[in-house]
PDB file of N, CA and C in Angstrom:
ATOM      1  N   MET A   1       0.871  -1.153  -0.025  1.00  0.00           N
ATOM      2  CA  MET A   1      -0.067  -0.035  -0.011  1.00  0.00           C
ATOM      3  C   MET A   1       0.926   1.284  -0.050  1.00  0.00           C
ATOM      4  N   PRO A   2       0.564   2.185  -0.842  1.00  0.00           N
ATOM      5  CA  PRO A   2       1.514   3.374  -0.924  1.00  0.00           C
ATOM      6  C   PRO A   2       1.285   4.253   0.398  1.00  0.00           C
ATOM      7  N   GLN A   3       2.303   4.888   0.737  1.00  0.00           N
ATOM      8  CA  GLN A   3       2.301   5.729   1.901  1.00  0.00           C
ATOM      9  C   GLN A   3       1.781   7.117   1.472  1.00  0.00           C
ATOM     10  N   ARG A   4       0.918   7.788   2.344  1.00  0.00           N
ATOM     11  CA  ARG A   4       0.526   9.173   2.067  1.00  0.00           C
ATOM     12  C   ARG A   4       1.470  10.024   2.609  1.00  0.00           C
ATOM     13  N   THR A   5       1.534  11.142   1.931  1.00  0.00           N
ATOM     14  CA  THR A   5       2.464  12.160   2.406  1.00  0.00           C
ATOM     15  C   THR A   5       1.637  13.284   3.008  1.00  0.00           C
ATOM     16  N   ALA A   6       2.137  14.007   3.833  1.00  0.00           N
ATOM     17  CA  ALA A   6       1.399  15.093   4.432  1.00  0.00           C
ATOM     18  C   ALA A   6       1.047  16.041   3.344  1.00  0.00           C
ATOM     19  N   THR A   7      -0.245  16.573   3.434  1.00  0.00           N
ATOM     20  CA  THR A   7      -0.588  17.575   2.464  1.00  0.00           C
ATOM     21  C   THR A   7      -0.127  18.889   2.795  1.00  0.00           C
ATOM     22  N   PRO A   8       0.473  19.664   1.821  1.00  0.00           N
ATOM     23  CA  PRO A   8       0.889  20.989   2.205  1.00  0.00           C
ATOM     24  C   PRO A   8      -0.192  21.937   2.694  1.00  0.00           C
ATOM     25  N   ALA A   9       0.198  22.768   3.705  1.00  0.00           N
ATOM     26  CA  ALA A   9      -0.891  23.667   4.221  1.00  0.00           C
ATOM     27  C   ALA A   9      -1.296  24.617   3.210  1.00  0.00           C
ATOM     28  N   ARG A  10      -2.494  24.923   3.057  1.00  0.00           N
ATOM     29  CA  ARG A  10      -3.104  25.815   2.087  1.00  0.00           C
ATOM     30  C   ARG A  10      -2.738  27.241   2.631  1.00  0.00           C
ATOM     31  N   PRO A  11      -2.451  28.081   1.553  1.00  0.00           N
ATOM     32  CA  PRO A  11      -2.132  29.575   1.920  1.00  0.00           C
ATOM     33  C   PRO A  11      -3.530  30.158   2.593  1.00  0.00           C
ATOM     34  N   VAL A  12      -3.376  30.937   3.512  1.00  0.00           N
ATOM     35  CA  VAL A  12      -4.460  31.667   4.058  1.00  0.00           C
ATOM     36  C   VAL A  12      -4.708  32.823   3.223  1.00  0.00           C
ATOM     37  N   GLY A  13      -6.052  32.939   2.791  1.00  0.00           N
ATOM     38  CA  GLY A  13      -6.450  34.068   1.957  1.00  0.00           C
ATOM     39  C   GLY A  13      -6.973  35.238   2.822  1.00  0.00           C
ATOM     40  N   TYR A  14      -7.182  36.312   2.137  1.00  0.00           N
ATOM     41  CA  TYR A  14      -7.562  37.657   2.907  1.00  0.00           C
ATOM     42  C   TYR A  14      -8.958  37.281   3.626  1.00  0.00           C
ATOM     43  N   GLY A  15      -8.942  37.627   4.842  1.00  0.00           N
ATOM     44  CA  GLY A  15     -10.140  37.538   5.693  1.00  0.00           C
ATOM     45  C   GLY A  15     -10.429  36.100   6.270  1.00  0.00           C
ATOM     46  N   GLN A  16      -9.420  35.139   5.934  1.00  0.00           N
ATOM     47  CA  GLN A  16      -9.584  33.825   6.518  1.00  0.00           C
ATOM     48  C   GLN A  16      -8.577  33.560   7.654  1.00  0.00           C
ATOM     49  N   ARG A  17      -8.990  32.691   8.598  1.00  0.00           N
ATOM     50  CA  ARG A  17      -8.090  32.425   9.668  1.00  0.00           C
ATOM     51  C   ARG A  17      -7.439  31.072   9.338  1.00  0.00           C
ATOM     52  N   PRO A  18      -6.240  30.827   9.778  1.00  0.00           N
ATOM     53  CA  PRO A  18      -5.629  29.549   9.406  1.00  0.00           C
ATOM     54  C   PRO A  18      -6.208  28.466  10.255  1.00  0.00           C
ATOM     55  N   MET A  19      -6.289  27.319   9.646  1.00  0.00           N
ATOM     56  CA  MET A  19      -6.867  26.108  10.345  1.00  0.00           C
ATOM     57  C   MET A  19      -5.818  25.668  11.467  1.00  0.00           C
ATOM     58  N   THR A  20      -6.341  25.559  12.696  1.00  0.00           N
ATOM     59  CA  THR A  20      -5.600  24.996  13.783  1.00  0.00           C
ATOM     60  C   THR A  20      -6.468  23.934  14.442  1.00  0.00           C
ATOM     61  N   ALA A  21      -5.726  22.965  14.995  1.00  0.00           N
ATOM     62  CA  ALA A  21      -6.332  21.839  15.661  1.00  0.00           C
ATOM     63  C   ALA A  21      -6.821  22.316  17.097  1.00  0.00           C
ATOM     64  N   ARG A  22      -8.016  21.982  17.353  1.00  0.00           N
ATOM     65  CA  ARG A  22      -8.551  22.351  18.770  1.00  0.00           C
ATOM     66  C   ARG A  22      -8.013  21.244  19.789  1.00  0.00           C
ATOM     67  N   PRO A  23      -7.812  21.628  21.031  1.00  0.00           N
ATOM     68  CA  PRO A  23      -7.499  20.620  21.976  1.00  0.00           C
ATOM     69  C   PRO A  23      -8.659  19.724  22.204  1.00  0.00           C
ATOM     70  N   LEU A  24      -8.290  18.467  22.682  1.00  0.00           N
ATOM     71  CA  LEU A  24      -9.329  17.371  22.767  1.00  0.00           C
ATOM     72  C   LEU A  24     -10.440  17.851  23.747  1.00  0.00           C
ATOM     73  N   ALA A  25      -9.952  18.499  24.952  1.00  0.00           N
ATOM     74  CA  ALA A  25     -10.923  18.816  25.935  1.00  0.00           C
ATOM     75  C   ALA A  25     -11.936  19.819  25.436  1.00  0.00           C
ATOM     76  N   ALA A  26     -11.623  20.765  24.482  1.00  0.00           N
ATOM     77  CA  ALA A  26     -12.481  21.631  23.977  1.00  0.00           C
ATOM     78  C   ALA A  26     -13.489  21.081  22.918  1.00  0.00           C
ATOM     79  N   HIS A  27     -13.288  19.958  22.521  1.00  0.00           N
ATOM     80  CA  HIS A  27     -14.075  19.202  21.541  1.00  0.00           C
ATOM     81  C   HIS A  27     -15.326  18.815  22.214  1.00  0.00           C
ATOM     82  N   PRO A  28     -16.618  19.145  21.693  1.00  0.00           N
ATOM     83  CA  PRO A  28     -17.771  18.688  22.303  1.00  0.00           C
ATOM     84  C   PRO A  28     -18.040  17.272  22.465  1.00  0.00           C
ATOM     85  N   MET A  29     -17.536  16.406  21.631  1.00  0.00           N
ATOM     86  CA  MET A  29     -17.703  15.005  21.842  1.00  0.00           C
ATOM     87  C   MET A  29     -16.899  14.317  22.940  1.00  0.00           C
ATOM     88  N   ALA A  30     -15.799  15.214  23.433  1.00  0.00           N
ATOM     89  CA  ALA A  30     -15.078  14.713  24.415  1.00  0.00           C
ATOM     90  C   ALA A  30     -15.707  14.783  25.735  1.00  0.00           C
ATOM     91  N   MET A  31     -16.770  15.422  25.890  1.00  0.00           N
ATOM     92  CA  MET A  31     -17.526  15.699  27.149  1.00  0.00           C
ATOM     93  C   MET A  31     -18.550  14.591  27.380  1.00  0.00           C
ATOM     94  N   ARG A  32     -18.885  13.857  26.311  1.00  0.00           N
ATOM     95  CA  ARG A  32     -19.913  12.851  26.356  1.00  0.00           C
ATOM     96  C   ARG A  32     -19.432  11.536  27.099  1.00  0.00           C
ATOM     97  N   PRO A  33     -20.307  10.896  27.848  1.00  0.00           N
ATOM     98  CA  PRO A  33     -19.975   9.665  28.483  1.00  0.00           C
ATOM     99  C   PRO A  33     -19.720   8.576  27.443  1.00  0.00           C
ATOM    100  N   ALA A  34     -19.064   7.590  27.936  1.00  0.00           N
ATOM    101  CA  ALA A  34     -18.913   6.477  26.974  1.00  0.00           C
ATOM    102  C   ALA A  34     -20.271   5.596  26.754  1.00  0.00           C
ATOM    103  N   PRO A  35     -20.327   5.000  25.619  1.00  0.00           N
ATOM    104  CA  PRO A  35     -21.547   4.306  25.399  1.00  0.00           C
ATOM    105  C   PRO A  35     -21.954   3.271  26.369  1.00  0.00           C
ATOM    106  N   GLY A  36     -23.204   3.193  26.879  1.00  0.00           N
ATOM    107  CA  GLY A  36     -23.599   2.292  27.921  1.00  0.00           C
ATOM    108  C   GLY A  36     -23.571   3.023  29.226  1.00  0.00           C
ATOM    109  N   GLN A  37     -22.908   4.135  29.439  1.00  0.00           N
ATOM    110  CA  GLN A  37     -22.977   4.818  30.710  1.00  0.00           C
ATOM    111  C   GLN A  37     -24.098   5.823  30.735  1.00  0.00           C
ATOM    112  N   PRO A  38     -24.754   5.836  31.905  1.00  0.00           N
ATOM    113  CA  PRO A  38     -25.829   6.888  31.861  1.00  0.00           C
ATOM    114  C   PRO A  38     -25.437   8.329  31.944  1.00  0.00           C
ATOM    115  N   MET A  39     -26.068   9.254  31.293  1.00  0.00           N
ATOM    116  CA  MET A  39     -25.689  10.645  31.459  1.00  0.00           C
ATOM    117  C   MET A  39     -26.194  11.214  32.784  1.00  0.00           C
ATOM    118  N   THR A  40     -25.206  11.777  33.486  1.00  0.00           N
ATOM    119  CA  THR A  40     -25.720  12.479  34.793  1.00  0.00           C
ATOM    120  C   THR A  40     -26.065  13.836  34.463  1.00  0.00           C
ATOM    121  N   ALA A  41     -27.151  14.237  35.030  1.00  0.00           N
ATOM    122  CA  ALA A  41     -27.731  15.595  34.802  1.00  0.00           C
ATOM    123  C   ALA A  41     -27.274  16.465  36.037  1.00  0.00           C
ATOM    124  N   GLY A  42     -26.927  17.596  35.787  1.00  0.00           N
ATOM    125  CA  GLY A  42     -26.545  18.587  36.780  1.00  0.00           C
ATOM    126  C   GLY A  42     -27.789  19.314  37.223  1.00  0.00           C
ATOM    127  N   PRO A  43     -27.649  20.251  38.067  1.00  0.00           N
ATOM    128  CA  PRO A  43     -28.858  20.962  38.558  1.00  0.00           C
ATOM    129  C   PRO A  43     -29.364  21.862  37.359  1.00  0.00           C
ATOM    130  N   VAL A  44     -30.659  21.883  37.182  1.00  0.00           N
ATOM    131  CA  VAL A  44     -31.204  22.546  36.009  1.00  0.00           C
ATOM    132  C   VAL A  44     -31.887  23.805  36.623  1.00  0.00           C
ATOM    133  N   MET A  45     -31.627  24.943  36.106  1.00  0.00           N
ATOM    134  CA  MET A  45     -32.229  26.146  36.585  1.00  0.00           C
ATOM    135  C   MET A  45     -33.400  26.548  35.585  1.00  0.00           C
ATOM    136  N   GLN A  46     -34.538  26.694  36.264  1.00  0.00           N
ATOM    137  CA  GLN A  46     -35.633  26.919  35.351  1.00  0.00           C
ATOM    138  C   GLN A  46     -36.018  28.453  35.425  1.00  0.00           C
ATOM    139  N   ARG A  47     -36.332  29.065  34.354  1.00  0.00           N
ATOM    140  CA  ARG A  47     -36.677  30.372  34.340  1.00  0.00           C
ATOM    141  C   ARG A  47     -38.290  30.345  34.650  1.00  0.00           C
ATOM    142  N   PRO A  48     -38.603  31.540  35.213  1.00  0.00           N
ATOM    143  CA  PRO A  48     -40.083  31.654  35.454  1.00  0.00           C
ATOM    144  C   PRO A  48     -40.741  31.959  34.048  1.00  0.00           C
ATOM    145  N   ALA A  49     -41.960  31.452  34.038  1.00  0.00           N
ATOM    146  CA  ALA A  49     -42.652  31.546  32.834  1.00  0.00           C
ATOM    147  C   ALA A  49     -43.048  33.086  32.546  1.00  0.00           C
ATOM    148  N   PRO A  50     -42.757  33.498  31.356  1.00  0.00           N
ATOM    149  CA  PRO A  50     -43.059  34.899  31.018  1.00  0.00           C
ATOM    150  C   PRO A  50     -44.512  35.213  31.067  1.00  0.00           C
ATOM    151  N   ARG A  51     -44.817  36.297  31.665  1.00  0.00           N
ATOM    152  CA  ARG A  51     -46.253  36.769  31.652  1.00  0.00           C
ATOM    153  C   ARG A  51     -46.602  37.351  30.372  1.00  0.00           C
ATOM    154  N   PRO A  52     -47.615  36.916  29.775  1.00  0.00           N
ATOM    155  CA  PRO A  52     -48.013  37.571  28.520  1.00  0.00           C
ATOM    156  C   PRO A  52     -48.531  38.985  28.816  1.00  0.00           C
ATOM    157  N   VAL A  53     -48.023  39.959  28.040  1.00  0.00           N
ATOM    158  CA  VAL A  53     -48.472  41.352  28.093  1.00  0.00           C
ATOM    159  C   VAL A  53     -49.012  41.717  26.711  1.00  0.00           C
ATOM    160  N   SER A  54     -50.231  42.140  26.757  1.00  0.00           N
ATOM    161  CA  SER A  54     -50.781  42.422  25.432  1.00  0.00           C
ATOM    162  C   SER A  54     -50.654  43.970  25.250  1.00  0.00           C
ATOM    163  N   PHE A  55     -50.406  44.505  24.113  1.00  0.00           N
ATOM    164  CA  PHE A  55     -50.115  45.892  23.814  1.00  0.00           C
ATOM    165  C   PHE A  55     -51.408  46.345  23.096  1.00  0.00           C
ATOM    166  N   LEU A  56     -51.765  47.604  23.222  1.00  0.00           N
ATOM    167  CA  LEU A  56     -52.796  48.233  22.620  1.00  0.00           C
ATOM    168  C   LEU A  56     -52.176  49.336  21.712  1.00  0.00           C
ATOM    169  N   THR A  57     -52.882  49.635  20.585  1.00  0.00           N
ATOM    170  CA  THR A  57     -52.389  50.774  19.762  1.00  0.00           C
ATOM    171  C   THR A  57     -53.015  51.996  20.299  1.00  0.00           C
ATOM    172  N   VAL A  58     -52.493  53.112  19.868  1.00  0.00           N
ATOM    173  CA  VAL A  58     -53.079  54.428  20.383  1.00  0.00           C
ATOM    174  C   VAL A  58     -54.524  54.546  20.004  1.00  0.00           C
ATOM    175  N   THR A  59     -54.997  54.094  18.863  1.00  0.00           N
ATOM    176  CA  THR A  59     -56.386  54.202  18.333  1.00  0.00           C
ATOM    177  C   THR A  59     -57.263  53.180  19.416  1.00  0.00           C
ATOM    178  N   GLU A  60     -56.689  52.102  19.773  1.00  0.00           N
ATOM    179  CA  GLU A  60     -57.518  51.211  20.658  1.00  0.00           C
ATOM    180  C   GLU A  60     -57.566  51.935  22.089  1.00  0.00           C
ATOM    181  N   VAL A  61     -56.457  52.522  22.565  1.00  0.00           N
ATOM    182  CA  VAL A  61     -56.545  53.171  23.874  1.00  0.00           C
ATOM    183  C   VAL A  61     -57.574  54.344  23.826  1.00  0.00           C
ATOM    184  N   ALA A  62     -57.536  55.007  22.718  1.00  0.00           N
ATOM    185  CA  ALA A  62     -58.417  56.216  22.593  1.00  0.00           C
ATOM    186  C   ALA A  62     -59.895  55.700  22.615  1.00  0.00           C
ATOM    187  N   ALA A  63     -60.187  54.508  21.954  1.00  0.00           N
ATOM    188  CA  ALA A  63     -61.576  53.978  21.944  1.00  0.00           C
ATOM    189  C   ALA A  63     -61.976  53.526  23.330  1.00  0.00           C
ATOM    190  N   ILE A  64     -61.033  52.919  24.108  1.00  0.00           N
ATOM    191  CA  ILE A  64     -61.384  52.437  25.487  1.00  0.00           C
ATOM    192  C   ILE A  64     -61.607  53.496  26.343  1.00  0.00           C
ATOM    193  N   MET A  65     -60.792  54.616  26.237  1.00  0.00           N
ATOM    194  CA  MET A  65     -60.851  55.899  27.208  1.00  0.00           C
ATOM    195  C   MET A  65     -61.942  56.732  26.642  1.00  0.00           C
ATOM    196  N   ARG A  66     -62.488  56.648  25.449  1.00  0.00           N
ATOM    197  CA  ARG A  66     -63.411  57.463  24.881  1.00  0.00           C
ATOM    198  C   ARG A  66     -62.915  58.985  24.626  1.00  0.00           C
ATOM    199  N   VAL A  67     -61.638  58.959  24.228  1.00  0.00           N
ATOM    200  CA  VAL A  67     -61.039  60.252  24.027  1.00  0.00           C
ATOM    201  C   VAL A  67     -60.378  60.276  22.504  1.00  0.00           C
ATOM    202  N   SER A  68     -59.775  61.356  22.141  1.00  0.00           N
ATOM    203  CA  SER A  68     -59.258  61.364  20.837  1.00  0.00           C
ATOM    204  C   SER A  68     -57.792  60.828  20.843  1.00  0.00           C
ATOM    205  N   LYS A  69     -57.356  60.414  19.628  1.00  0.00           N
ATOM    206  CA  LYS A  69     -55.919  59.916  19.631  1.00  0.00           C
ATOM    207  C   LYS A  69     -54.953  60.933  20.066  1.00  0.00           C
ATOM    208  N   MET A  70     -55.194  62.218  19.790  1.00  0.00           N
ATOM    209  CA  MET A  70     -54.295  63.296  20.197  1.00  0.00           C
ATOM    210  C   MET A  70     -54.191  63.300  21.637  1.00  0.00           C
ATOM    211  N   THR A  71     -55.228  63.083  22.387  1.00  0.00           N
ATOM    212  CA  THR A  71     -55.250  63.052  23.893  1.00  0.00           C
ATOM    213  C   THR A  71     -54.302  61.996  24.331  1.00  0.00           C
ATOM    214  N   VAL A  72     -54.406  60.893  23.722  1.00  0.00           N
ATOM    215  CA  VAL A  72     -53.538  59.714  24.151  1.00  0.00           C
ATOM    216  C   VAL A  72     -52.085  60.009  23.902  1.00  0.00           C
ATOM    217  N   TYR A  73     -51.902  60.606  22.773  1.00  0.00           N
ATOM    218  CA  TYR A  73     -50.417  60.982  22.449  1.00  0.00           C
ATOM    219  C   TYR A  73     -49.909  62.022  23.515  1.00  0.00           C
ATOM    220  N   ARG A  74     -50.741  63.016  23.892  1.00  0.00           N
ATOM    221  CA  ARG A  74     -50.459  63.929  24.804  1.00  0.00           C
ATOM    222  C   ARG A  74     -50.062  63.345  26.240  1.00  0.00           C
ATOM    223  N   LEU A  75     -50.778  62.272  26.565  1.00  0.00           N
ATOM    224  CA  LEU A  75     -50.643  61.577  27.808  1.00  0.00           C
ATOM    225  C   LEU A  75     -49.364  60.748  27.748  1.00  0.00           C
ATOM    226  N   VAL A  76     -49.117  60.218  26.587  1.00  0.00           N
ATOM    227  CA  VAL A  76     -47.773  59.428  26.403  1.00  0.00           C
ATOM    228  C   VAL A  76     -46.533  60.400  26.448  1.00  0.00           C
ATOM    229  N   HIS A  77     -46.658  61.429  25.736  1.00  0.00           N
ATOM    230  CA  HIS A  77     -45.485  62.363  25.748  1.00  0.00           C
ATOM    231  C   HIS A  77     -45.301  63.046  27.082  1.00  0.00           C
ATOM    232  N   ALA A  78     -46.329  63.295  27.752  1.00  0.00           N
ATOM    233  CA  ALA A  78     -46.218  63.799  29.123  1.00  0.00           C
ATOM    234  C   ALA A  78     -45.674  62.886  30.196  1.00  0.00           C
ATOM    235  N   GLY A  79     -45.724  61.662  29.824  1.00  0.00           N
ATOM    236  CA  GLY A  79     -45.290  60.589  30.778  1.00  0.00           C
ATOM    237  C   GLY A  79     -46.266  60.111  31.715  1.00  0.00           C
ATOM    238  N   GLU A  80     -47.557  60.540  31.492  1.00  0.00           N
ATOM    239  CA  GLU A  80     -48.636  60.123  32.389  1.00  0.00           C
ATOM    240  C   GLU A  80     -49.131  58.679  32.060  1.00  0.00           C
ATOM    241  N   LEU A  81     -48.934  58.296  30.741  1.00  0.00           N
ATOM    242  CA  LEU A  81     -49.341  56.927  30.317  1.00  0.00           C
ATOM    243  C   LEU A  81     -48.115  56.191  29.744  1.00  0.00           C
ATOM    244  N   ALA A  82     -47.770  55.056  30.413  1.00  0.00           N
ATOM    245  CA  ALA A  82     -46.588  54.413  29.834  1.00  0.00           C
ATOM    246  C   ALA A  82     -46.809  53.800  28.553  1.00  0.00           C
ATOM    247  N   ALA A  83     -45.796  53.843  27.664  1.00  0.00           N
ATOM    248  CA  ALA A  83     -45.890  53.306  26.361  1.00  0.00           C
ATOM    249  C   ALA A  83     -44.464  52.811  25.875  1.00  0.00           C
ATOM    250  N   VAL A  84     -44.568  52.069  24.792  1.00  0.00           N
ATOM    251  CA  VAL A  84     -43.351  51.574  24.195  1.00  0.00           C
ATOM    252  C   VAL A  84     -43.274  52.092  22.723  1.00  0.00           C
ATOM    253  N   ARG A  85     -42.161  52.535  22.248  1.00  0.00           N
ATOM    254  CA  ARG A  85     -42.097  52.857  20.969  1.00  0.00           C
ATOM    255  C   ARG A  85     -41.612  51.806  20.063  1.00  0.00           C
ATOM    256  N   VAL A  86     -42.421  51.463  19.071  1.00  0.00           N
ATOM    257  CA  VAL A  86     -42.107  50.436  17.966  1.00  0.00           C
ATOM    258  C   VAL A  86     -42.078  51.103  16.679  1.00  0.00           C
ATOM    259  N   GLY A  87     -40.824  51.328  16.177  1.00  0.00           N
ATOM    260  CA  GLY A  87     -40.643  52.017  15.106  1.00  0.00           C
ATOM    261  C   GLY A  87     -41.171  53.475  15.225  1.00  0.00           C
ATOM    262  N   ARG A  88     -42.103  53.815  14.424  1.00  0.00           N
ATOM    263  CA  ARG A  88     -42.606  55.241  14.476  1.00  0.00           C
ATOM    264  C   ARG A  88     -43.902  55.324  15.256  1.00  0.00           C
ATOM    265  N   SER A  89     -44.344  54.189  15.726  1.00  0.00           N
ATOM    266  CA  SER A  89     -45.717  54.147  16.497  1.00  0.00           C
ATOM    267  C   SER A  89     -45.515  53.822  17.850  1.00  0.00           C
ATOM    268  N   PHE A  90     -46.438  53.990  18.746  1.00  0.00           N
ATOM    269  CA  PHE A  90     -46.460  53.699  20.071  1.00  0.00           C
ATOM    270  C   PHE A  90     -47.405  52.497  20.404  1.00  0.00           C
ATOM    271  N   ARG A  91     -46.959  51.692  21.301  1.00  0.00           N
ATOM    272  CA  ARG A  91     -47.894  50.594  21.831  1.00  0.00           C
ATOM    273  C   ARG A  91     -47.938  50.760  23.382  1.00  0.00           C
ATOM    274  N   VAL A  92     -49.116  50.702  23.817  1.00  0.00           N
ATOM    275  CA  VAL A  92     -49.486  50.945  25.205  1.00  0.00           C
ATOM    276  C   VAL A  92     -49.747  49.630  25.954  1.00  0.00           C
ATOM    277  N   PRO A  93     -49.143  49.149  27.022  1.00  0.00           N
ATOM    278  CA  PRO A  93     -49.438  47.873  27.661  1.00  0.00           C
ATOM    279  C   PRO A  93     -50.798  48.006  28.352  1.00  0.00           C
ATOM    280  N   GLU A  94     -51.590  46.968  28.188  1.00  0.00           N
ATOM    281  CA  GLU A  94     -52.937  47.090  28.818  1.00  0.00           C
ATOM    282  C   GLU A  94     -52.987  47.426  30.366  1.00  0.00           C
ATOM    283  N   PRO A  95     -52.010  46.894  31.186  1.00  0.00           N
ATOM    284  CA  PRO A  95     -51.935  47.273  32.532  1.00  0.00           C
ATOM    285  C   PRO A  95     -51.823  48.651  32.751  1.00  0.00           C
ATOM    286  N   ALA A  96     -51.060  49.350  31.931  1.00  0.00           N
ATOM    287  CA  ALA A  96     -50.808  50.800  31.986  1.00  0.00           C
ATOM    288  C   ALA A  96     -52.096  51.628  31.907  1.00  0.00           C
ATOM    289  N   VAL A  97     -52.870  51.169  30.933  1.00  0.00           N
ATOM    290  CA  VAL A  97     -54.244  51.801  30.737  1.00  0.00           C
ATOM    291  C   VAL A  97     -55.105  51.639  32.016  1.00  0.00           C
ATOM    292  N   ARG A  98     -55.175  50.433  32.463  1.00  0.00           N
ATOM    293  CA  ARG A  98     -55.951  50.121  33.791  1.00  0.00           C
ATOM    294  C   ARG A  98     -55.382  50.977  34.860  1.00  0.00           C
ATOM    295  N   ASP A  99     -54.049  51.015  35.094  1.00  0.00           N
ATOM    296  CA  ASP A  99     -53.557  51.842  36.171  1.00  0.00           C
ATOM    297  C   ASP A  99     -53.853  53.345  36.059  1.00  0.00           C
ATOM    298  N   TYR A 100     -53.861  53.760  34.832  1.00  0.00           N
ATOM    299  CA  TYR A 100     -53.987  55.249  34.524  1.00  0.00           C
ATOM    300  C   TYR A 100     -55.472  55.568  34.882  1.00  0.00           C
ATOM    301  N   LEU A 101     -56.419  54.646  34.416  1.00  0.00           N
ATOM    302  CA  LEU A 101     -57.804  54.911  34.623  1.00  0.00           C
ATOM    303  C   LEU A 101     -58.132  54.710  36.223  1.00  0.00           C
ATOM    304  N   ALA A 102     -57.491  53.863  36.906  1.00  0.00           N
ATOM    305  CA  ALA A 102     -57.765  53.694  38.268  1.00  0.00           C
ATOM    306  C   ALA A 102     -57.311  54.855  39.026  1.00  0.00           C
ATOM    307  N   GLY A 103     -56.154  55.526  38.680  1.00  0.00           N
ATOM    308  CA  GLY A 103     -55.655  56.661  39.375  1.00  0.00           C
ATOM    309  C   GLY A 103     -56.292  57.931  38.898  1.00  0.00           C
ATOM    310  N   ALA A 104     -57.012  57.905  37.809  1.00  0.00           N
ATOM    311  CA  ALA A 104     -57.692  59.116  37.328  1.00  0.00           C
ATOM    312  C   ALA A 104     -59.018  59.497  37.881  1.00  0.00           C
ATOM    313  N   ARG A 105     -59.635  58.548  38.691  1.00  0.00           N
ATOM    314  CA  ARG A 105     -60.892  58.737  39.174  1.00  0.00           C
ATOM    315  C   ARG A 105     -60.783  59.729  40.298  1.00  0.00           C
ATOM    316  N   THR A 106     -61.951  60.670  40.266  1.00  0.00           N
ATOM    317  CA  THR A 106     -62.072  61.731  41.199  1.00  0.00           C
ATOM    318  C   THR A 106     -63.532  61.631  41.848  1.00  0.00           C
ATOM    319  N   ASP A 107     -63.565  61.948  43.138  1.00  0.00           N
ATOM    320  CA  ASP A 107     -64.859  61.977  43.787  1.00  0.00           C
ATOM    321  C   ASP A 107     -65.425  63.334  43.688  1.00  0.00           C
ATOM    322  N   VAL A 108     -66.636  63.595  43.214  1.00  0.00           N
ATOM    323  CA  VAL A 108     -67.296  64.715  43.102  1.00  0.00           C
ATOM    324  C   VAL A 108     -68.214  64.930  44.319  1.00  0.00           C
ATOM    325  N   ALA A 109     -68.095  66.053  45.037  1.00  0.00           N
ATOM    326  CA  ALA A 109     -68.848  66.279  46.213  1.00  0.00           C
ATOM    327  C   ALA A 109     -70.183  66.814  45.962  1.00  0.00           C
TER     328      ALA A 109
END
């Protein structure tokens, strides 16, 4: 059988990194247990489930509050109503509308 000779290293082109061998410990397969051995699981940290937050458009908020869109924009720009800017438009979280309406009630004597 003919013997193979080592292939010459390819020249590194512009923007390319030279190929280097990774150490065995850094290889992902080196961390796996041998076949037939059970995989031991370490402690698993679970994230809390994200709470769904629904956002309303300025038009929807204006319809809920029975005011004009301009009034909603004024409340947002004044900082009285929390909102998130998405591109060029605003989205208002539903809880922010509820909180604003709860705090805006006045008792008439």
